[in-house]
PDB file of N, CA and C in Angstrom:
ATOM      1  N   MET A   1     -55.514  -5.479 -48.490  1.00  0.00           N
ATOM      2  CA  MET A   1     -54.746  -6.295 -47.572  1.00  0.00           C
ATOM      3  C   MET A   1     -53.262  -6.076 -47.843  1.00  0.00           C
ATOM      4  N   ARG A   2     -52.493  -5.817 -46.809  1.00  0.00           N
ATOM      5  CA  ARG A   2     -51.057  -5.647 -46.949  1.00  0.00           C
ATOM      6  C   ARG A   2     -50.385  -6.804 -46.249  1.00  0.00           C
ATOM      7  N   GLU A   3     -49.544  -7.479 -46.980  1.00  0.00           N
ATOM      8  CA  GLU A   3     -48.842  -8.626 -46.434  1.00  0.00           C
ATOM      9  C   GLU A   3     -47.357  -8.387 -46.627  1.00  0.00           C
ATOM     10  N   THR A   4     -46.606  -8.354 -45.553  1.00  0.00           N
ATOM     11  CA  THR A   4     -45.168  -8.204 -45.646  1.00  0.00           C
ATOM     12  C   THR A   4     -44.554  -9.587 -45.645  1.00  0.00           C
ATOM     13  N   LEU A   5     -43.801  -9.863 -46.681  1.00  0.00           N
ATOM     14  CA  LEU A   5     -43.176 -11.171 -46.825  1.00  0.00           C
ATOM     15  C   LEU A   5     -41.705 -11.042 -46.484  1.00  0.00           C
ATOM     16  N   HIS A   6     -41.154 -12.077 -45.956  1.00  0.00           N
ATOM     17  CA  HIS A   6     -39.763 -12.050 -45.518  1.00  0.00           C
ATOM     18  C   HIS A   6     -38.965 -13.118 -46.250  1.00  0.00           C
ATOM     19  N   ARG A   7     -37.686 -13.159 -45.941  1.00  0.00           N
ATOM     20  CA  ARG A   7     -36.771 -14.140 -46.489  1.00  0.00           C
ATOM     21  C   ARG A   7     -36.708 -14.077 -48.005  1.00  0.00           C
ATOM     22  N   GLY A   8     -36.544 -12.853 -48.519  1.00  0.00           N
ATOM     23  CA  GLY A   8     -36.317 -12.709 -49.939  1.00  0.00           C
ATOM     24  C   GLY A   8     -37.571 -12.567 -50.761  1.00  0.00           C
ATOM     25  N   ASP A   9     -38.682 -12.358 -50.162  1.00  0.00           N
ATOM     26  CA  ASP A   9     -39.916 -12.226 -50.905  1.00  0.00           C
ATOM     27  C   ASP A   9     -40.300 -10.760 -51.001  1.00  0.00           C
ATOM     28  N   ALA A  10     -41.162 -10.458 -51.944  1.00  0.00           N
ATOM     29  CA  ALA A  10     -41.607  -9.083 -52.144  1.00  0.00           C
ATOM     30  C   ALA A  10     -43.073  -8.986 -51.797  1.00  0.00           C
ATOM     31  N   ASP A  11     -43.456  -7.868 -51.212  1.00  0.00           N
ATOM     32  CA  ASP A  11     -44.883  -7.672 -51.032  1.00  0.00           C
ATOM     33  C   ASP A  11     -45.377  -6.686 -52.078  1.00  0.00           C
ATOM     34  N   CYS A  12     -46.665  -6.475 -52.113  1.00  0.00           N
ATOM     35  CA  CYS A  12     -47.283  -5.641 -53.137  1.00  0.00           C
ATOM     36  C   CYS A  12     -46.861  -4.188 -53.040  1.00  0.00           C
ATOM     37  N   ARG A  13     -46.355  -3.759 -51.931  1.00  0.00           N
ATOM     38  CA  ARG A  13     -45.974  -2.365 -51.760  1.00  0.00           C
ATOM     39  C   ARG A  13     -44.467  -2.153 -51.886  1.00  0.00           C
ATOM     40  N   GLY A  14     -43.727  -3.171 -52.259  1.00  0.00           N
ATOM     41  CA  GLY A  14     -42.306  -2.995 -52.494  1.00  0.00           C
ATOM     42  C   GLY A  14     -41.429  -3.189 -51.288  1.00  0.00           C
ATOM     43  N   THR A  15     -41.867  -3.925 -50.284  1.00  0.00           N
ATOM     44  CA  THR A  15     -41.029  -4.221 -49.138  1.00  0.00           C
ATOM     45  C   THR A  15     -40.192  -5.436 -49.482  1.00  0.00           C
ATOM     46  N   PHE A  16     -38.887  -5.293 -49.438  1.00  0.00           N
ATOM     47  CA  PHE A  16     -38.000  -6.382 -49.806  1.00  0.00           C
ATOM     48  C   PHE A  16     -37.039  -6.628 -48.661  1.00  0.00           C
ATOM     49  N   ARG A  17     -36.791  -7.885 -48.377  1.00  0.00           N
ATOM     50  CA  ARG A  17     -35.875  -8.230 -47.294  1.00  0.00           C
ATOM     51  C   ARG A  17     -35.009  -9.421 -47.691  1.00  0.00           C
ATOM     52  N   ARG A  18     -33.765  -9.419 -47.228  1.00  0.00           N
ATOM     53  CA  ARG A  18     -32.851 -10.555 -47.318  1.00  0.00           C
ATOM     54  C   ARG A  18     -31.493 -10.061 -47.776  1.00  0.00           C
ATOM     55  N   SER A  19     -30.479 -10.829 -47.492  1.00  0.00           N
ATOM     56  CA  SER A  19     -29.142 -10.429 -47.895  1.00  0.00           C
ATOM     57  C   SER A  19     -28.571 -11.393 -48.911  1.00  0.00           C
ATOM     58  N   GLY A  20     -27.476 -10.973 -49.531  1.00  0.00           N
ATOM     59  CA  GLY A  20     -26.814 -11.781 -50.542  1.00  0.00           C
ATOM     60  C   GLY A  20     -26.390 -10.898 -51.691  1.00  0.00           C
ATOM     61  N   ARG A  21     -25.509 -11.405 -52.533  1.00  0.00           N
ATOM     62  CA  ARG A  21     -25.020 -10.578 -53.638  1.00  0.00           C
ATOM     63  C   ARG A  21     -25.002 -11.319 -54.974  1.00  0.00           C
ATOM     64  N   ALA A  22     -25.326 -12.587 -55.027  1.00  0.00           N
ATOM     65  CA  ALA A  22     -25.265 -13.321 -56.290  1.00  0.00           C
ATOM     66  C   ALA A  22     -26.355 -12.840 -57.228  1.00  0.00           C
ATOM     67  N   GLY A  23     -26.147 -13.014 -58.531  1.00  0.00           N
ATOM     68  CA  GLY A  23     -27.194 -12.747 -59.486  1.00  0.00           C
ATOM     69  C   GLY A  23     -27.215 -11.341 -60.064  1.00  0.00           C
ATOM     70  N   TRP A  24     -26.278 -10.489 -59.667  1.00  0.00           N
ATOM     71  CA  TRP A  24     -26.231  -9.163 -60.265  1.00  0.00           C
ATOM     72  C   TRP A  24     -24.804  -8.664 -60.301  1.00  0.00           C
ATOM     73  N   ALA A  25     -24.546  -7.841 -61.265  1.00  0.00           N
ATOM     74  CA  ALA A  25     -23.225  -7.251 -61.402  1.00  0.00           C
ATOM     75  C   ALA A  25     -23.350  -5.765 -61.123  1.00  0.00           C
ATOM     76  N   GLN A  26     -22.271  -5.152 -60.697  1.00  0.00           N
ATOM     77  CA  GLN A  26     -22.325  -3.727 -60.428  1.00  0.00           C
ATOM     78  C   GLN A  26     -21.727  -2.954 -61.592  1.00  0.00           C
ATOM     79  N   ALA A  27     -22.424  -1.916 -61.981  1.00  0.00           N
ATOM     80  CA  ALA A  27     -21.909  -0.999 -62.988  1.00  0.00           C
ATOM     81  C   ALA A  27     -20.899  -0.080 -62.309  1.00  0.00           C
ATOM     82  N   SER A  28     -20.197   0.701 -63.095  1.00  0.00           N
ATOM     83  CA  SER A  28     -19.156   1.543 -62.519  1.00  0.00           C
ATOM     84  C   SER A  28     -19.705   2.569 -61.540  1.00  0.00           C
ATOM     85  N   SER A  29     -20.955   2.956 -61.665  1.00  0.00           N
ATOM     86  CA  SER A  29     -21.531   3.936 -60.751  1.00  0.00           C
ATOM     87  C   SER A  29     -22.141   3.269 -59.523  1.00  0.00           C
ATOM     88  N   ALA A  30     -21.879   1.997 -59.299  1.00  0.00           N
ATOM     89  CA  ALA A  30     -22.377   1.224 -58.160  1.00  0.00           C
ATOM     90  C   ALA A  30     -23.882   0.998 -58.238  1.00  0.00           C
ATOM     91  N   VAL A  31     -24.481   1.229 -59.395  1.00  0.00           N
ATOM     92  CA  VAL A  31     -25.891   0.920 -59.606  1.00  0.00           C
ATOM     93  C   VAL A  31     -25.954  -0.498 -60.148  1.00  0.00           C
ATOM     94  N   PRO A  32     -26.744  -1.358 -59.528  1.00  0.00           N
ATOM     95  CA  PRO A  32     -26.792  -2.738 -59.969  1.00  0.00           C
ATOM     96  C   PRO A  32     -27.321  -2.864 -61.392  1.00  0.00           C
ATOM     97  N   ASN A  33     -26.745  -3.789 -62.117  1.00  0.00           N
ATOM     98  CA  ASN A  33     -27.156  -4.065 -63.478  1.00  0.00           C
ATOM     99  C   ASN A  33     -27.741  -5.474 -63.503  1.00  0.00           C
ATOM    100  N   ILE A  34     -29.040  -5.563 -63.365  1.00  0.00           N
ATOM    101  CA  ILE A  34     -29.726  -6.855 -63.339  1.00  0.00           C
ATOM    102  C   ILE A  34     -30.422  -7.017 -64.674  1.00  0.00           C
ATOM    103  N   SER A  35     -30.236  -8.154 -65.313  1.00  0.00           N
ATOM    104  CA  SER A  35     -30.825  -8.372 -66.631  1.00  0.00           C
ATOM    105  C   SER A  35     -32.349  -8.347 -66.573  1.00  0.00           C
ATOM    106  N   GLU A  36     -32.944  -7.998 -67.684  1.00  0.00           N
ATOM    107  CA  GLU A  36     -34.406  -7.996 -67.779  1.00  0.00           C
ATOM    108  C   GLU A  36     -34.943  -9.408 -67.532  1.00  0.00           C
ATOM    109  N   GLN A  37     -34.244 -10.410 -68.025  1.00  0.00           N
ATOM    110  CA  GLN A  37     -34.656 -11.802 -67.825  1.00  0.00           C
ATOM    111  C   GLN A  37     -34.653 -12.158 -66.338  1.00  0.00           C
ATOM    112  N   SER A  38     -33.643 -11.724 -65.615  1.00  0.00           N
ATOM    113  CA  SER A  38     -33.585 -11.993 -64.172  1.00  0.00           C
ATOM    114  C   SER A  38     -34.689 -11.261 -63.429  1.00  0.00           C
ATOM    115  N   LEU A  39     -34.987 -10.028 -63.839  1.00  0.00           N
ATOM    116  CA  LEU A  39     -36.080  -9.286 -63.213  1.00  0.00           C
ATOM    117  C   LEU A  39     -37.422  -9.947 -63.496  1.00  0.00           C
ATOM    118  N   ASP A  40     -37.612 -10.418 -64.734  1.00  0.00           N
ATOM    119  CA  ASP A  40     -38.845 -11.139 -65.076  1.00  0.00           C
ATOM    120  C   ASP A  40     -38.999 -12.367 -64.187  1.00  0.00           C
ATOM    121  N   ALA A  41     -37.908 -13.123 -64.051  1.00  0.00           N
ATOM    122  CA  ALA A  41     -37.937 -14.349 -63.253  1.00  0.00           C
ATOM    123  C   ALA A  41     -38.196 -14.041 -61.780  1.00  0.00           C
ATOM    124  N   ALA A  42     -37.529 -13.024 -61.255  1.00  0.00           N
ATOM    125  CA  ALA A  42     -37.713 -12.663 -59.850  1.00  0.00           C
ATOM    126  C   ALA A  42     -39.144 -12.208 -59.584  1.00  0.00           C
ATOM    127  N   ALA A  43     -39.706 -11.426 -60.479  1.00  0.00           N
ATOM    128  CA  ALA A  43     -41.084 -10.955 -60.303  1.00  0.00           C
ATOM    129  C   ALA A  43     -42.064 -12.122 -60.364  1.00  0.00           C
ATOM    130  N   ALA A  44     -41.872 -13.022 -61.321  1.00  0.00           N
ATOM    131  CA  ALA A  44     -42.759 -14.184 -61.434  1.00  0.00           C
ATOM    132  C   ALA A  44     -42.656 -15.053 -60.185  1.00  0.00           C
ATOM    133  N   ALA A  45     -41.437 -15.255 -59.707  1.00  0.00           N
ATOM    134  CA  ALA A  45     -41.250 -16.054 -58.495  1.00  0.00           C
ATOM    135  C   ALA A  45     -41.874 -15.357 -57.290  1.00  0.00           C
ATOM    136  N   ALA A  46     -41.673 -14.055 -57.169  1.00  0.00           N
ATOM    137  CA  ALA A  46     -42.229 -13.304 -56.037  1.00  0.00           C
ATOM    138  C   ALA A  46     -43.747 -13.373 -56.030  1.00  0.00           C
ATOM    139  N   GLU A  47     -44.341 -13.289 -57.199  1.00  0.00           N
ATOM    140  CA  GLU A  47     -45.798 -13.372 -57.286  1.00  0.00           C
ATOM    141  C   GLU A  47     -46.292 -14.740 -56.807  1.00  0.00           C
ATOM    142  N   ARG A  48     -45.616 -15.793 -57.234  1.00  0.00           N
ATOM    143  CA  ARG A  48     -45.993 -17.145 -56.811  1.00  0.00           C
ATOM    144  C   ARG A  48     -45.762 -17.319 -55.309  1.00  0.00           C
ATOM    145  N   VAL A  49     -44.671 -16.804 -54.806  1.00  0.00           N
ATOM    146  CA  VAL A  49     -44.360 -16.919 -53.381  1.00  0.00           C
ATOM    147  C   VAL A  49     -45.409 -16.185 -52.544  1.00  0.00           C
ATOM    148  N   MET A  50     -45.856 -15.020 -53.007  1.00  0.00           N
ATOM    149  CA  MET A  50     -46.898 -14.294 -52.274  1.00  0.00           C
ATOM    150  C   MET A  50     -48.155 -15.147 -52.139  1.00  0.00           C
ATOM    151  N   HIS A  51     -48.544 -15.804 -53.226  1.00  0.00           N
ATOM    152  CA  HIS A  51     -49.733 -16.663 -53.184  1.00  0.00           C
ATOM    153  C   HIS A  51     -49.525 -17.853 -52.251  1.00  0.00           C
ATOM    154  N   LEU A  52     -48.359 -18.452 -52.308  1.00  0.00           N
ATOM    155  CA  LEU A  52     -48.057 -19.587 -51.433  1.00  0.00           C
ATOM    156  C   LEU A  52     -48.111 -19.174 -49.964  1.00  0.00           C
ATOM    157  N   LYS A  53     -47.556 -18.019 -49.648  1.00  0.00           N
ATOM    158  CA  LYS A  53     -47.563 -17.563 -48.256  1.00  0.00           C
ATOM    159  C   LYS A  53     -48.969 -17.231 -47.782  1.00  0.00           C
ATOM    160  N   GLN A  54     -49.783 -16.689 -48.661  1.00  0.00           N
ATOM    161  CA  GLN A  54     -51.171 -16.414 -48.297  1.00  0.00           C
ATOM    162  C   GLN A  54     -51.895 -17.734 -48.011  1.00  0.00           C
ATOM    163  N   ASN A  55     -51.704 -18.721 -48.869  1.00  0.00           N
ATOM    164  CA  ASN A  55     -52.312 -20.036 -48.647  1.00  0.00           C
ATOM    165  C   ASN A  55     -51.790 -20.672 -47.363  1.00  0.00           C
ATOM    166  N   PHE A  56     -50.498 -20.516 -47.099  1.00  0.00           N
ATOM    167  CA  PHE A  56     -49.899 -21.059 -45.889  1.00  0.00           C
ATOM    168  C   PHE A  56     -50.563 -20.465 -44.654  1.00  0.00           C
ATOM    169  N   THR A  57     -50.744 -19.156 -44.659  1.00  0.00           N
ATOM    170  CA  THR A  57     -51.354 -18.485 -43.512  1.00  0.00           C
ATOM    171  C   THR A  57     -52.748 -19.047 -43.241  1.00  0.00           C
ATOM    172  N   GLU A  58     -53.503 -19.239 -44.295  1.00  0.00           N
ATOM    173  CA  GLU A  58     -54.850 -19.791 -44.145  1.00  0.00           C
ATOM    174  C   GLU A  58     -54.799 -21.242 -43.663  1.00  0.00           C
ATOM    175  N   GLN A  59     -53.910 -22.035 -44.251  1.00  0.00           N
ATOM    176  CA  GLN A  59     -53.814 -23.449 -43.879  1.00  0.00           C
ATOM    177  C   GLN A  59     -53.366 -23.618 -42.433  1.00  0.00           C
ATOM    178  N   ILE A  60     -52.351 -22.892 -42.036  1.00  0.00           N
ATOM    179  CA  ILE A  60     -51.794 -23.059 -40.698  1.00  0.00           C
ATOM    180  C   ILE A  60     -52.789 -22.602 -39.640  1.00  0.00           C
ATOM    181  N   ALA A  61     -53.580 -21.590 -39.954  1.00  0.00           N
ATOM    182  CA  ALA A  61     -54.579 -21.099 -38.999  1.00  0.00           C
ATOM    183  C   ALA A  61     -55.660 -22.136 -38.733  1.00  0.00           C
ATOM    184  N   ASN A  62     -55.964 -22.953 -39.726  1.00  0.00           N
ATOM    185  CA  ASN A  62     -57.029 -23.944 -39.607  1.00  0.00           C
ATOM    186  C   ASN A  62     -56.518 -25.361 -39.380  1.00  0.00           C
ATOM    187  N   ALA A  63     -55.217 -25.525 -39.265  1.00  0.00           N
ATOM    188  CA  ALA A  63     -54.632 -26.860 -39.204  1.00  0.00           C
ATOM    189  C   ALA A  63     -54.663 -27.452 -37.800  1.00  0.00           C
ATOM    190  N   ASP A  64     -54.767 -28.742 -37.781  1.00  0.00           N
ATOM    191  CA  ASP A  64     -54.593 -29.497 -36.550  1.00  0.00           C
ATOM    192  C   ASP A  64     -53.127 -29.342 -36.140  1.00  0.00           C
ATOM    193  N   PRO A  65     -52.835 -29.167 -34.870  1.00  0.00           N
ATOM    194  CA  PRO A  65     -51.435 -29.014 -34.447  1.00  0.00           C
ATOM    195  C   PRO A  65     -50.506 -30.123 -34.960  1.00  0.00           C
ATOM    196  N   ALA A  66     -51.025 -31.313 -35.106  1.00  0.00           N
ATOM    197  CA  ALA A  66     -50.199 -32.419 -35.591  1.00  0.00           C
ATOM    198  C   ALA A  66     -49.805 -32.247 -37.057  1.00  0.00           C
ATOM    199  N   ASP A  67     -50.542 -31.452 -37.801  1.00  0.00           N
ATOM    200  CA  ASP A  67     -50.272 -31.259 -39.226  1.00  0.00           C
ATOM    201  C   ASP A  67     -49.409 -30.039 -39.523  1.00  0.00           C
ATOM    202  N   ARG A  68     -49.174 -29.211 -38.543  1.00  0.00           N
ATOM    203  CA  ARG A  68     -48.490 -27.943 -38.789  1.00  0.00           C
ATOM    204  C   ARG A  68     -47.065 -28.103 -39.308  1.00  0.00           C
ATOM    205  N   ALA A  69     -46.305 -29.023 -38.757  1.00  0.00           N
ATOM    206  CA  ALA A  69     -44.924 -29.222 -39.216  1.00  0.00           C
ATOM    207  C   ALA A  69     -44.901 -29.641 -40.680  1.00  0.00           C
ATOM    208  N   ARG A  70     -45.813 -30.506 -41.064  1.00  0.00           N
ATOM    209  CA  ARG A  70     -45.883 -30.950 -42.462  1.00  0.00           C
ATOM    210  C   ARG A  70     -46.246 -29.791 -43.379  1.00  0.00           C
ATOM    211  N   ILE A  71     -47.189 -28.960 -42.939  1.00  0.00           N
ATOM    212  CA  ILE A  71     -47.602 -27.807 -43.740  1.00  0.00           C
ATOM    213  C   ILE A  71     -46.433 -26.837 -43.927  1.00  0.00           C
ATOM    214  N   VAL A  72     -45.680 -26.599 -42.858  1.00  0.00           N
ATOM    215  CA  VAL A  72     -44.511 -25.725 -42.942  1.00  0.00           C
ATOM    216  C   VAL A  72     -43.496 -26.293 -43.931  1.00  0.00           C
ATOM    217  N   ASP A  73     -43.185 -27.581 -43.804  1.00  0.00           N
ATOM    218  CA  ASP A  73     -42.225 -28.209 -44.709  1.00  0.00           C
ATOM    219  C   ASP A  73     -42.697 -28.170 -46.158  1.00  0.00           C
ATOM    220  N   ASP A  74     -43.960 -28.481 -46.376  1.00  0.00           N
ATOM    221  CA  ASP A  74     -44.516 -28.460 -47.734  1.00  0.00           C
ATOM    222  C   ASP A  74     -44.446 -27.062 -48.330  1.00  0.00           C
ATOM    223  N   THR A  75     -44.732 -26.064 -47.520  1.00  0.00           N
ATOM    224  CA  THR A  75     -44.710 -24.687 -48.000  1.00  0.00           C
ATOM    225  C   THR A  75     -43.287 -24.248 -48.323  1.00  0.00           C
ATOM    226  N   LYS A  76     -42.335 -24.607 -47.482  1.00  0.00           N
ATOM    227  CA  LYS A  76     -40.926 -24.273 -47.759  1.00  0.00           C
ATOM    228  C   LYS A  76     -40.481 -24.875 -49.083  1.00  0.00           C
ATOM    229  N   GLN A  77     -40.841 -26.127 -49.316  1.00  0.00           N
ATOM    230  CA  GLN A  77     -40.477 -26.791 -50.569  1.00  0.00           C
ATOM    231  C   GLN A  77     -41.154 -26.120 -51.761  1.00  0.00           C
ATOM    232  N   ALA A  78     -42.410 -25.756 -51.602  1.00  0.00           N
ATOM    233  CA  ALA A  78     -43.142 -25.099 -52.688  1.00  0.00           C
ATOM    234  C   ALA A  78     -42.539 -23.724 -53.003  1.00  0.00           C
ATOM    235  N   ILE A  79     -42.121 -23.007 -51.986  1.00  0.00           N
ATOM    236  CA  ILE A  79     -41.495 -21.700 -52.192  1.00  0.00           C
ATOM    237  C   ILE A  79     -40.168 -21.861 -52.933  1.00  0.00           C
ATOM    238  N   ALA A  80     -39.366 -22.806 -52.509  1.00  0.00           N
ATOM    239  CA  ALA A  80     -38.096 -23.047 -53.198  1.00  0.00           C
ATOM    240  C   ALA A  80     -38.341 -23.421 -54.656  1.00  0.00           C
ATOM    241  N   SER A  81     -39.329 -24.248 -54.908  1.00  0.00           N
ATOM    242  CA  SER A  81     -39.666 -24.634 -56.284  1.00  0.00           C
ATOM    243  C   SER A  81     -40.159 -23.445 -57.090  1.00  0.00           C
ATOM    244  N   ALA A  82     -40.940 -22.570 -56.471  1.00  0.00           N
ATOM    245  CA  ALA A  82     -41.448 -21.384 -57.170  1.00  0.00           C
ATOM    246  C   ALA A  82     -40.292 -20.524 -57.681  1.00  0.00           C
ATOM    247  N   VAL A  83     -39.222 -20.470 -56.920  1.00  0.00           N
ATOM    248  CA  VAL A  83     -38.050 -19.694 -57.320  1.00  0.00           C
ATOM    249  C   VAL A  83     -37.247 -20.440 -58.379  1.00  0.00           C
ATOM    250  N   THR A  84     -36.898 -21.679 -58.105  1.00  0.00           N
ATOM    251  CA  THR A  84     -36.044 -22.421 -59.036  1.00  0.00           C
ATOM    252  C   THR A  84     -36.755 -22.752 -60.344  1.00  0.00           C
ATOM    253  N   ASP A  85     -38.070 -22.871 -60.324  1.00  0.00           N
ATOM    254  CA  ASP A  85     -38.826 -23.095 -61.565  1.00  0.00           C
ATOM    255  C   ASP A  85     -38.704 -21.913 -62.522  1.00  0.00           C
ATOM    256  N   GLN A  86     -38.348 -20.760 -62.002  1.00  0.00           N
ATOM    257  CA  GLN A  86     -38.155 -19.570 -62.836  1.00  0.00           C
ATOM    258  C   GLN A  86     -36.716 -19.445 -63.331  1.00  0.00           C
ATOM    259  N   GLY A  87     -35.897 -20.436 -63.008  1.00  0.00           N
ATOM    260  CA  GLY A  87     -34.520 -20.433 -63.488  1.00  0.00           C
ATOM    261  C   GLY A  87     -33.549 -19.673 -62.607  1.00  0.00           C
ATOM    262  N   LEU A  88     -33.968 -19.332 -61.403  1.00  0.00           N
ATOM    263  CA  LEU A  88     -33.098 -18.632 -60.457  1.00  0.00           C
ATOM    264  C   LEU A  88     -32.720 -19.563 -59.315  1.00  0.00           C
ATOM    265  N   SER A  89     -31.536 -19.384 -58.788  1.00  0.00           N
ATOM    266  CA  SER A  89     -31.193 -20.058 -57.543  1.00  0.00           C
ATOM    267  C   SER A  89     -31.816 -19.241 -56.415  1.00  0.00           C
ATOM    268  N   ILE A  90     -31.917 -19.853 -55.250  1.00  0.00           N
ATOM    269  CA  ILE A  90     -32.431 -19.127 -54.085  1.00  0.00           C
ATOM    270  C   ILE A  90     -31.537 -17.924 -53.800  1.00  0.00           C
ATOM    271  N   GLU A  91     -30.235 -18.093 -53.949  1.00  0.00           N
ATOM    272  CA  GLU A  91     -29.296 -17.003 -53.698  1.00  0.00           C
ATOM    273  C   GLU A  91     -29.491 -15.850 -54.677  1.00  0.00           C
ATOM    274  N   GLU A  92     -29.683 -16.178 -55.962  1.00  0.00           N
ATOM    275  CA  GLU A  92     -29.924 -15.124 -56.950  1.00  0.00           C
ATOM    276  C   GLU A  92     -31.210 -14.363 -56.634  1.00  0.00           C
ATOM    277  N   TYR A  93     -32.255 -15.108 -56.318  1.00  0.00           N
ATOM    278  CA  TYR A  93     -33.550 -14.505 -56.002  1.00  0.00           C
ATOM    279  C   TYR A  93     -33.446 -13.561 -54.809  1.00  0.00           C
ATOM    280  N   THR A  94     -32.853 -14.041 -53.730  1.00  0.00           N
ATOM    281  CA  THR A  94     -32.746 -13.200 -52.536  1.00  0.00           C
ATOM    282  C   THR A  94     -31.852 -11.989 -52.787  1.00  0.00           C
ATOM    283  N   SER A  95     -30.819 -12.159 -53.594  1.00  0.00           N
ATOM    284  CA  SER A  95     -29.936 -11.043 -53.910  1.00  0.00           C
ATOM    285  C   SER A  95     -30.654  -9.970 -54.715  1.00  0.00           C
ATOM    286  N   ILE A  96     -31.433 -10.383 -55.693  1.00  0.00           N
ATOM    287  CA  ILE A  96     -32.190  -9.428 -56.500  1.00  0.00           C
ATOM    288  C   ILE A  96     -33.151  -8.648 -55.613  1.00  0.00           C
ATOM    289  N   LEU A  97     -33.813  -9.357 -54.702  1.00  0.00           N
ATOM    290  CA  LEU A  97     -34.758  -8.664 -53.824  1.00  0.00           C
ATOM    291  C   LEU A  97     -34.064  -7.758 -52.827  1.00  0.00           C
ATOM    292  N   GLU A  98     -32.863  -8.112 -52.417  1.00  0.00           N
ATOM    293  CA  GLU A  98     -32.117  -7.207 -51.546  1.00  0.00           C
ATOM    294  C   GLU A  98     -31.740  -5.938 -52.288  1.00  0.00           C
ATOM    295  N   VAL A  99     -31.298  -6.092 -53.510  1.00  0.00           N
ATOM    296  CA  VAL A  99     -30.975  -4.919 -54.324  1.00  0.00           C
ATOM    297  C   VAL A  99     -32.223  -4.047 -54.464  1.00  0.00           C
ATOM    298  N   ALA A 100     -33.360  -4.675 -54.740  1.00  0.00           N
ATOM    299  CA  ALA A 100     -34.616  -3.930 -54.912  1.00  0.00           C
ATOM    300  C   ALA A 100     -35.013  -3.200 -53.636  1.00  0.00           C
ATOM    301  N   GLN A 101     -34.700  -3.779 -52.496  1.00  0.00           N
ATOM    302  CA  GLN A 101     -35.015  -3.120 -51.226  1.00  0.00           C
ATOM    303  C   GLN A 101     -34.242  -1.812 -51.095  1.00  0.00           C
ATOM    304  N   ASN A 102     -33.042  -1.802 -51.634  1.00  0.00           N
ATOM    305  CA  ASN A 102     -32.156  -0.654 -51.455  1.00  0.00           C
ATOM    306  C   ASN A 102     -32.065   0.265 -52.667  1.00  0.00           C
ATOM    307  N   ASP A 103     -32.669  -0.120 -53.774  1.00  0.00           N
ATOM    308  CA  ASP A 103     -32.554   0.654 -55.006  1.00  0.00           C
ATOM    309  C   ASP A 103     -33.947   0.886 -55.583  1.00  0.00           C
ATOM    310  N   ASP A 104     -34.399   2.135 -55.532  1.00  0.00           N
ATOM    311  CA  ASP A 104     -35.750   2.465 -55.994  1.00  0.00           C
ATOM    312  C   ASP A 104     -35.987   2.087 -57.444  1.00  0.00           C
ATOM    313  N   ALA A 105     -35.005   2.272 -58.293  1.00  0.00           N
ATOM    314  CA  ALA A 105     -35.175   1.975 -59.721  1.00  0.00           C
ATOM    315  C   ALA A 105     -35.379   0.484 -59.944  1.00  0.00           C
ATOM    316  N   VAL A 106     -34.592  -0.332 -59.278  1.00  0.00           N
ATOM    317  CA  VAL A 106     -34.739  -1.787 -59.420  1.00  0.00           C
ATOM    318  C   VAL A 106     -36.070  -2.229 -58.821  1.00  0.00           C
ATOM    319  N   ARG A 107     -36.412  -1.693 -57.667  1.00  0.00           N
ATOM    320  CA  ARG A 107     -37.696  -2.033 -57.041  1.00  0.00           C
ATOM    321  C   ARG A 107     -38.850  -1.717 -57.993  1.00  0.00           C
ATOM    322  N   GLU A 108     -38.802  -0.552 -58.609  1.00  0.00           N
ATOM    323  CA  GLU A 108     -39.864  -0.154 -59.534  1.00  0.00           C
ATOM    324  C   GLU A 108     -39.914  -1.076 -60.750  1.00  0.00           C
ATOM    325  N   ARG A 109     -38.760  -1.486 -61.239  1.00  0.00           N
ATOM    326  CA  ARG A 109     -38.722  -2.401 -62.392  1.00  0.00           C
ATOM    327  C   ARG A 109     -39.375  -3.733 -62.045  1.00  0.00           C
ATOM    328  N   ILE A 110     -39.201  -4.204 -60.826  1.00  0.00           N
ATOM    329  CA  ILE A 110     -39.835  -5.462 -60.410  1.00  0.00           C
ATOM    330  C   ILE A 110     -41.332  -5.251 -60.200  1.00  0.00           C
ATOM    331  N   LEU A 111     -41.695  -4.185 -59.528  1.00  0.00           N
ATOM    332  CA  LEU A 111     -43.113  -3.937 -59.251  1.00  0.00           C
ATOM    333  C   LEU A 111     -43.926  -3.780 -60.525  1.00  0.00           C
ATOM    334  N   ARG A 112     -43.348  -3.186 -61.559  1.00  0.00           N
ATOM    335  CA  ARG A 112     -44.054  -3.061 -62.839  1.00  0.00           C
ATOM    336  C   ARG A 112     -44.373  -4.426 -63.435  1.00  0.00           C
ATOM    337  N   ARG A 113     -43.570  -5.415 -63.111  1.00  0.00           N
ATOM    338  CA  ARG A 113     -43.776  -6.757 -63.657  1.00  0.00           C
ATOM    339  C   ARG A 113     -44.814  -7.569 -62.878  1.00  0.00           C
ATOM    340  N   LEU A 114     -45.061  -7.181 -61.647  1.00  0.00           N
ATOM    341  CA  LEU A 114     -46.044  -7.920 -60.837  1.00  0.00           C
ATOM    342  C   LEU A 114     -47.438  -7.634 -61.330  1.00  0.00           C
ATOM    343  N   GLN A 115     -48.245  -8.652 -61.366  1.00  0.00           N
ATOM    344  CA  GLN A 115     -49.648  -8.501 -61.781  1.00  0.00           C
ATOM    345  C   GLN A 115     -50.482  -8.310 -60.532  1.00  0.00           C
ATOM    346  N   LEU A 116     -50.554  -7.061 -60.089  1.00  0.00           N
ATOM    347  CA  LEU A 116     -51.262  -6.748 -58.856  1.00  0.00           C
ATOM    348  C   LEU A 116     -52.716  -6.418 -59.158  1.00  0.00           C
ATOM    349  N   PRO A 117     -53.614  -6.839 -58.268  1.00  0.00           N
ATOM    350  CA  PRO A 117     -55.028  -6.504 -58.474  1.00  0.00           C
ATOM    351  C   PRO A 117     -55.262  -5.010 -58.294  1.00  0.00           C
ATOM    352  N   ASN A 118     -56.232  -4.494 -59.014  1.00  0.00           N
ATOM    353  CA  ASN A 118     -56.638  -3.102 -58.867  1.00  0.00           C
ATOM    354  C   ASN A 118     -57.270  -2.893 -57.518  1.00  0.00           C
ATOM    355  N   LYS A 119     -56.949  -1.807 -56.829  1.00  0.00           N
ATOM    356  CA  LYS A 119     -57.509  -1.542 -55.505  1.00  0.00           C
ATOM    357  C   LYS A 119     -58.395  -0.309 -55.549  1.00  0.00           C
ATOM    358  N   ASP A 120     -59.266  -0.241 -56.530  1.00  0.00           N
ATOM    359  CA  ASP A 120     -60.175   0.904 -56.670  1.00  0.00           C
ATOM    360  C   ASP A 120     -61.299   0.860 -55.698  1.00  0.00           C
TER     361      ASP A 120
END
């Protein structure tokens, strides 16, 4: 199953989206220098966000129309908590994922941290 996540989330295949610049410094060669701790936090948050979005998709598909707004709000709050619980601001998280979208080395460093299921 391939799920493309948006608004600063990562999918299992390395698709990253969102803009922002907080949370990373640029080295003299314009290659971002993101700390290992920040990459660990971003990967952990991305993994949790992927699960939340998968649950959201299932819940919203089966929800009574009257419950959909509540489900959306609850999911947004849970996603924000998944990020901030890792010690990142939403801006830092989205910035790291934007860098990863545009930088193969950073993307690979994050993907190595994700605990992806084997697809044998």
